[in-house]
């Protein structure tokens, strides 16, 4: 493994980092539901949600898995890296290009609009291996999303990084 990657991996593997999403905003969850064409009334109508055994409107189950911080429109285009990612979405090592390598989600409890949620992000593994087109780096992370009193969702995802010519 390249020295700078090994140093970064040694610093991050197994260490958890908390980030707050803030209070789940119904407007942002509804925008997400419309964007993914999921118009379930549980996301738009509190009375309907309560009639179906919920405390109120819920967020689409995978909505929070798209968040790494407070709900917002994301960084401006000018701040995105050449691979389209935010600077915090990949290791701070020059010469890496990244893309998603897959996700698995385990749902534990509904996420309610108006509920404060936080995430605990842990880098589980960093591995460098030879691929057909050169050296690849796989980074596996786990994020546990919770409210003050219960775990809501566990996201396990892989980021694939390719070394590019500098």
Foldseek 3Di string as FASTA:
>chain_A
DDPVVVVVCVVAAPDKDKAWQFFAALVLLVVVCVVVVNVPCLSPFQVVVVVVVDNGRFGPQCVCVVDPYHDDPDDPQVQADPLRHHCVPDDPDPQKHKDWDDKDKDFDDTHHGRFIKMKMKGWHDWDWDADPVGIKIKIWMWIWMDTPPDTGMIMITIMIIDGDDD
